[in-house]
Amino acid sequence: MLRGYAPGWQVRCLTCGFKIAAGEAGVVRIAAAGKSYKLGWCRRCRRLRCIVVERVKPRKKPDTP
């Protein structure tokens, strides 16, 4: 959907632990320096849940010879 709009951020449900990229969840701008807790729709629970928008640490690329 909006992949790439919020690179390095993810949305996680605090009830079931479901994670999705923030851009795919429809988040366009991040106004938080660290974690931001919101009320939002969880795709797995199919209910309104407390969700957290958090930064994802970039993965290190493996060294190739």
PDB file of N, CA and C in Angstrom:
ATOM      1  N   MET A   1       0.837  -1.185   0.000  1.00  0.00           N
ATOM      2  CA  MET A   1       0.000   0.000   0.000  1.00  0.00           C
ATOM      3  C   MET A   1       0.881   1.247   0.000  1.00  0.00           C
ATOM      4  N   LEU A   2       1.319   1.728   1.133  1.00  0.00           N
ATOM      5  CA  LEU A   2       2.159   2.909   1.237  1.00  0.00           C
ATOM      6  C   LEU A   2       3.571   2.522   1.657  1.00  0.00           C
ATOM      7  N   ARG A   3       4.054   1.450   1.133  1.00  0.00           N
ATOM      8  CA  ARG A   3       5.360   0.953   1.552  1.00  0.00           C
ATOM      9  C   ARG A   3       6.446   1.992   1.278  1.00  0.00           C
ATOM     10  N   GLY A   4       7.270   2.249   2.279  1.00  0.00           N
ATOM     11  CA  GLY A   4       8.350   3.191   2.126  1.00  0.00           C
ATOM     12  C   GLY A   4       8.049   4.578   2.672  1.00  0.00           C
ATOM     13  N   TYR A   5       6.832   4.818   3.124  1.00  0.00           N
ATOM     14  CA  TYR A   5       6.482   6.129   3.655  1.00  0.00           C
ATOM     15  C   TYR A   5       7.037   6.352   5.046  1.00  0.00           C
ATOM     16  N   ALA A   6       7.214   5.319   5.825  1.00  0.00           N
ATOM     17  CA  ALA A   6       7.764   5.432   7.177  1.00  0.00           C
ATOM     18  C   ALA A   6       8.866   4.396   7.342  1.00  0.00           C
ATOM     19  N   PRO A   7       9.979   4.551   6.616  1.00  0.00           N
ATOM     20  CA  PRO A   7      11.029   3.528   6.676  1.00  0.00           C
ATOM     21  C   PRO A   7      11.677   3.467   8.049  1.00  0.00           C
ATOM     22  N   GLY A   8      11.908   2.250   8.518  1.00  0.00           N
ATOM     23  CA  GLY A   8      12.550   2.062   9.813  1.00  0.00           C
ATOM     24  C   GLY A   8      11.593   2.055  10.987  1.00  0.00           C
ATOM     25  N   TRP A   9      10.282   2.086  10.733  1.00  0.00           N
ATOM     26  CA  TRP A   9       9.289   2.089  11.809  1.00  0.00           C
ATOM     27  C   TRP A   9       8.333   0.918  11.626  1.00  0.00           C
ATOM     28  N   GLN A  10       7.828   0.388  12.735  1.00  0.00           N
ATOM     29  CA  GLN A  10       6.850  -0.694  12.690  1.00  0.00           C
ATOM     30  C   GLN A  10       5.737  -0.427  13.683  1.00  0.00           C
ATOM     31  N   VAL A  11       4.614  -1.105  13.473  1.00  0.00           N
ATOM     32  CA  VAL A  11       3.461  -1.033  14.364  1.00  0.00           C
ATOM     33  C   VAL A  11       3.296  -2.413  14.982  1.00  0.00           C
ATOM     34  N   ARG A  12       3.154  -2.484  16.321  1.00  0.00           N
ATOM     35  CA  ARG A  12       3.045  -3.767  17.024  1.00  0.00           C
ATOM     36  C   ARG A  12       1.854  -3.740  17.972  1.00  0.00           C
ATOM     37  N   CYS A  13       1.030  -4.794  17.939  1.00  0.00           N
ATOM     38  CA  CYS A  13      -0.103  -4.936  18.850  1.00  0.00           C
ATOM     39  C   CYS A  13       0.429  -5.408  20.201  1.00  0.00           C
ATOM     40  N   LEU A  14       0.008  -4.751  21.270  1.00  0.00           N
ATOM     41  CA  LEU A  14       0.475  -5.134  22.600  1.00  0.00           C
ATOM     42  C   LEU A  14      -0.238  -6.368  23.135  1.00  0.00           C
ATOM     43  N   THR A  15      -1.358  -6.765  22.529  1.00  0.00           N
ATOM     44  CA  THR A  15      -2.094  -7.941  22.994  1.00  0.00           C
ATOM     45  C   THR A  15      -1.556  -9.229  22.376  1.00  0.00           C
ATOM     46  N   CYS A  16      -1.453  -9.262  21.038  1.00  0.00           N
ATOM     47  CA  CYS A  16      -1.040 -10.504  20.373  1.00  0.00           C
ATOM     48  C   CYS A  16       0.383 -10.466  19.835  1.00  0.00           C
ATOM     49  N   GLY A  17       0.995  -9.284  19.757  1.00  0.00           N
ATOM     50  CA  GLY A  17       2.365  -9.172  19.282  1.00  0.00           C
ATOM     51  C   GLY A  17       2.506  -9.076  17.777  1.00  0.00           C
ATOM     52  N   PHE A  18       1.402  -8.940  17.048  1.00  0.00           N
ATOM     53  CA  PHE A  18       1.441  -8.837  15.591  1.00  0.00           C
ATOM     54  C   PHE A  18       2.226  -7.600  15.174  1.00  0.00           C
ATOM     55  N   LYS A  19       3.176  -7.768  14.225  1.00  0.00           N
ATOM     56  CA  LYS A  19       4.012  -6.664  13.755  1.00  0.00           C
ATOM     57  C   LYS A  19       3.788  -6.454  12.270  1.00  0.00           C
ATOM     58  N   ILE A  20       3.804  -5.181  11.870  1.00  0.00           N
ATOM     59  CA  ILE A  20       3.676  -4.830  10.459  1.00  0.00           C
ATOM     60  C   ILE A  20       4.442  -3.536  10.244  1.00  0.00           C
ATOM     61  N   ALA A  21       4.980  -3.357   9.053  1.00  0.00           N
ATOM     62  CA  ALA A  21       5.691  -2.120   8.729  1.00  0.00           C
ATOM     63  C   ALA A  21       4.723  -0.950   8.843  1.00  0.00           C
ATOM     64  N   ALA A  22       5.199   0.164   9.355  1.00  0.00           N
ATOM     65  CA  ALA A  22       4.327   1.320   9.588  1.00  0.00           C
ATOM     66  C   ALA A  22       3.728   1.838   8.290  1.00  0.00           C
ATOM     67  N   GLY A  23       4.477   1.801   7.202  1.00  0.00           N
ATOM     68  CA  GLY A  23       3.956   2.252   5.916  1.00  0.00           C
ATOM     69  C   GLY A  23       2.805   1.397   5.427  1.00  0.00           C
ATOM     70  N   GLU A  24       2.886   0.079   5.649  1.00  0.00           N
ATOM     71  CA  GLU A  24       1.816  -0.822   5.251  1.00  0.00           C
ATOM     72  C   GLU A  24       0.588  -0.653   6.131  1.00  0.00           C
ATOM     73  N   ALA A  25       0.778  -0.188   7.359  1.00  0.00           N
ATOM     74  CA  ALA A  25      -0.342   0.032   8.274  1.00  0.00           C
ATOM     75  C   ALA A  25      -1.023   1.376   8.022  1.00  0.00           C
ATOM     76  N   GLY A  26      -0.446   2.193   7.141  1.00  0.00           N
ATOM     77  CA  GLY A  26      -1.053   3.467   6.823  1.00  0.00           C
ATOM     78  C   GLY A  26      -0.462   4.648   7.560  1.00  0.00           C
ATOM     79  N   VAL A  27       0.616   4.424   8.300  1.00  0.00           N
ATOM     80  CA  VAL A  27       1.277   5.515   9.017  1.00  0.00           C
ATOM     81  C   VAL A  27       2.147   6.265   8.009  1.00  0.00           C
ATOM     82  N   VAL A  28       1.944   7.572   7.903  1.00  0.00           N
ATOM     83  CA  VAL A  28       2.692   8.360   6.934  1.00  0.00           C
ATOM     84  C   VAL A  28       3.787   9.156   7.619  1.00  0.00           C
ATOM     85  N   ARG A  29       3.472   9.782   8.741  1.00  0.00           N
ATOM     86  CA  ARG A  29       4.461  10.580   9.460  1.00  0.00           C
ATOM     87  C   ARG A  29       4.584  10.063  10.886  1.00  0.00           C
ATOM     88  N   ILE A  30       5.800  10.104  11.412  1.00  0.00           N
ATOM     89  CA  ILE A  30       6.052   9.695  12.781  1.00  0.00           C
ATOM     90  C   ILE A  30       6.389  10.952  13.573  1.00  0.00           C
ATOM     91  N   ALA A  31       5.616  11.219  14.625  1.00  0.00           N
ATOM     92  CA  ALA A  31       5.828  12.420  15.431  1.00  0.00           C
ATOM     93  C   ALA A  31       6.448  12.084  16.779  1.00  0.00           C
ATOM     94  N   ALA A  32       7.009  10.896  16.908  1.00  0.00           N
ATOM     95  CA  ALA A  32       7.573  10.474  18.183  1.00  0.00           C
ATOM     96  C   ALA A  32       9.075  10.276  18.044  1.00  0.00           C
ATOM     97  N   ALA A  33       9.784  10.560  19.108  1.00  0.00           N
ATOM     98  CA  ALA A  33      11.222  10.352  19.105  1.00  0.00           C
ATOM     99  C   ALA A  33      11.558   8.901  19.436  1.00  0.00           C
ATOM    100  N   GLY A  34      10.733   8.252  20.253  1.00  0.00           N
ATOM    101  CA  GLY A  34      10.975   6.870  20.651  1.00  0.00           C
ATOM    102  C   GLY A  34       9.781   6.017  20.315  1.00  0.00           C
ATOM    103  N   LYS A  35       9.077   5.567  21.331  1.00  0.00           N
ATOM    104  CA  LYS A  35       7.876   4.767  21.135  1.00  0.00           C
ATOM    105  C   LYS A  35       6.652   5.646  21.326  1.00  0.00           C
ATOM    106  N   SER A  36       5.598   5.328  20.599  1.00  0.00           N
ATOM    107  CA  SER A  36       4.356   6.062  20.696  1.00  0.00           C
ATOM    108  C   SER A  36       3.222   5.043  20.849  1.00  0.00           C
ATOM    109  N   TYR A  37       2.443   5.150  21.905  1.00  0.00           N
ATOM    110  CA  TYR A  37       1.336   4.234  22.154  1.00  0.00           C
ATOM    111  C   TYR A  37       0.040   4.867  21.682  1.00  0.00           C
ATOM    112  N   LYS A  38      -0.737   4.115  20.897  1.00  0.00           N
ATOM    113  CA  LYS A  38      -1.979   4.609  20.305  1.00  0.00           C
ATOM    114  C   LYS A  38      -3.057   3.538  20.396  1.00  0.00           C
ATOM    115  N   LEU A  39      -4.279   3.948  20.200  1.00  0.00           N
ATOM    116  CA  LEU A  39      -5.382   3.014  20.063  1.00  0.00           C
ATOM    117  C   LEU A  39      -5.576   2.797  18.575  1.00  0.00           C
ATOM    118  N   GLY A  40      -5.518   1.553  18.137  1.00  0.00           N
ATOM    119  CA  GLY A  40      -5.619   1.276  16.713  1.00  0.00           C
ATOM    120  C   GLY A  40      -6.177  -0.105  16.440  1.00  0.00           C
ATOM    121  N   TRP A  41      -6.410  -0.376  15.173  1.00  0.00           N
ATOM    122  CA  TRP A  41      -6.998  -1.631  14.731  1.00  0.00           C
ATOM    123  C   TRP A  41      -5.901  -2.660  14.510  1.00  0.00           C
ATOM    124  N   CYS A  42      -6.055  -3.835  15.142  1.00  0.00           N
ATOM    125  CA  CYS A  42      -5.117  -4.942  14.943  1.00  0.00           C
ATOM    126  C   CYS A  42      -5.698  -5.865  13.887  1.00  0.00           C
ATOM    127  N   ARG A  43      -4.908  -6.183  12.874  1.00  0.00           N
ATOM    128  CA  ARG A  43      -5.379  -7.049  11.787  1.00  0.00           C
ATOM    129  C   ARG A  43      -5.535  -8.490  12.224  1.00  0.00           C
ATOM    130  N   ARG A  44      -4.754  -8.928  13.212  1.00  0.00           N
ATOM    131  CA  ARG A  44      -4.856 -10.307  13.677  1.00  0.00           C
ATOM    132  C   ARG A  44      -6.002 -10.466  14.681  1.00  0.00           C
ATOM    133  N   CYS A  45      -6.080  -9.572  15.678  1.00  0.00           N
ATOM    134  CA  CYS A  45      -7.139  -9.650  16.694  1.00  0.00           C
ATOM    135  C   CYS A  45      -8.507  -9.251  16.133  1.00  0.00           C
ATOM    136  N   ARG A  46      -8.486  -8.401  15.095  1.00  0.00           N
ATOM    137  CA  ARG A  46      -9.692  -7.836  14.497  1.00  0.00           C
ATOM    138  C   ARG A  46     -10.515  -7.050  15.508  1.00  0.00           C
ATOM    139  N   ARG A  47      -9.791  -6.300  16.347  1.00  0.00           N
ATOM    140  CA  ARG A  47     -10.416  -5.444  17.354  1.00  0.00           C
ATOM    141  C   ARG A  47      -9.552  -4.213  17.560  1.00  0.00           C
ATOM    142  N   LEU A  48     -10.136  -3.211  18.216  1.00  0.00           N
ATOM    143  CA  LEU A  48      -9.341  -2.056  18.620  1.00  0.00           C
ATOM    144  C   LEU A  48      -8.456  -2.482  19.778  1.00  0.00           C
ATOM    145  N   ARG A  49      -7.179  -2.211  19.641  1.00  0.00           N
ATOM    146  CA  ARG A  49      -6.197  -2.598  20.653  1.00  0.00           C
ATOM    147  C   ARG A  49      -5.232  -1.448  20.885  1.00  0.00           C
ATOM    148  N   CYS A  50      -4.477  -1.550  21.955  1.00  0.00           N
ATOM    149  CA  CYS A  50      -3.396  -0.609  22.208  1.00  0.00           C
ATOM    150  C   CYS A  50      -2.224  -1.068  21.351  1.00  0.00           C
ATOM    151  N   ILE A  51      -1.745  -0.184  20.477  1.00  0.00           N
ATOM    152  CA  ILE A  51      -0.634  -0.515  19.605  1.00  0.00           C
ATOM    153  C   ILE A  51       0.515   0.439  19.884  1.00  0.00           C
ATOM    154  N   VAL A  52       1.707   0.003  19.556  1.00  0.00           N
ATOM    155  CA  VAL A  52       2.887   0.831  19.755  1.00  0.00           C
ATOM    156  C   VAL A  52       3.562   1.024  18.401  1.00  0.00           C
ATOM    157  N   VAL A  53       3.930   2.260  18.119  1.00  0.00           N
ATOM    158  CA  VAL A  53       4.700   2.586  16.924  1.00  0.00           C
ATOM    159  C   VAL A  53       6.132   2.751  17.393  1.00  0.00           C
ATOM    160  N   GLU A  54       7.032   1.912  16.866  1.00  0.00           N
ATOM    161  CA  GLU A  54       8.407   1.910  17.353  1.00  0.00           C
ATOM    162  C   GLU A  54       9.393   1.811  16.208  1.00  0.00           C
ATOM    163  N   ARG A  55      10.591   2.297  16.455  1.00  0.00           N
ATOM    164  CA  ARG A  55      11.655   2.250  15.456  1.00  0.00           C
ATOM    165  C   ARG A  55      12.260   0.856  15.444  1.00  0.00           C
ATOM    166  N   VAL A  56      12.576   0.380  14.247  1.00  0.00           N
ATOM    167  CA  VAL A  56      13.202  -0.924  14.057  1.00  0.00           C
ATOM    168  C   VAL A  56      14.678  -0.695  13.780  1.00  0.00           C
ATOM    169  N   LYS A  57      15.523  -1.426  14.474  1.00  0.00           N
ATOM    170  CA  LYS A  57      16.962  -1.323  14.223  1.00  0.00           C
ATOM    171  C   LYS A  57      17.270  -1.935  12.858  1.00  0.00           C
ATOM    172  N   PRO A  58      18.069  -1.255  12.052  1.00  0.00           N
ATOM    173  CA  PRO A  58      18.406  -1.819  10.738  1.00  0.00           C
ATOM    174  C   PRO A  58      19.247  -3.075  10.884  1.00  0.00           C
ATOM    175  N   ARG A  59      18.973  -4.044  10.023  1.00  0.00           N
ATOM    176  CA  ARG A  59      19.726  -5.296  10.045  1.00  0.00           C
ATOM    177  C   ARG A  59      21.065  -5.094   9.362  1.00  0.00           C
ATOM    178  N   LYS A  60      22.081  -5.713   9.936  1.00  0.00           N
ATOM    179  CA  LYS A  60      23.402  -5.650   9.323  1.00  0.00           C
ATOM    180  C   LYS A  60      23.437  -6.605   8.135  1.00  0.00           C
ATOM    181  N   LYS A  61      24.025  -6.155   7.050  1.00  0.00           N
ATOM    182  CA  LYS A  61      24.173  -7.006   5.888  1.00  0.00           C
ATOM    183  C   LYS A  61      25.334  -7.959   6.115  1.00  0.00           C
ATOM    184  N   PRO A  62      25.170  -9.208   5.781  1.00  0.00           N
ATOM    185  CA  PRO A  62      26.278 -10.154   5.982  1.00  0.00           C
ATOM    186  C   PRO A  62      27.427  -9.836   5.035  1.00  0.00           C
ATOM    187  N   ASP A  63      28.619 -10.005   5.559  1.00  0.00           N
ATOM    188  CA  ASP A  63      29.818  -9.776   4.748  1.00  0.00           C
ATOM    189  C   ASP A  63      29.956 -10.907   3.732  1.00  0.00           C
ATOM    190  N   THR A  64      30.110 -10.534   2.490  1.00  0.00           N
ATOM    191  CA  THR A  64      30.301 -11.555   1.451  1.00  0.00           C
ATOM    192  C   THR A  64      31.708 -11.452   0.901  1.00  0.00           C
ATOM    193  N   PRO A  65      32.349 -12.586   0.715  1.00  0.00           N
ATOM    194  CA  PRO A  65      33.734 -12.566   0.214  1.00  0.00           C
ATOM    195  C   PRO A  65      33.820 -12.227  -1.258  1.00  0.00           C
TER     196      PRO A  65
END
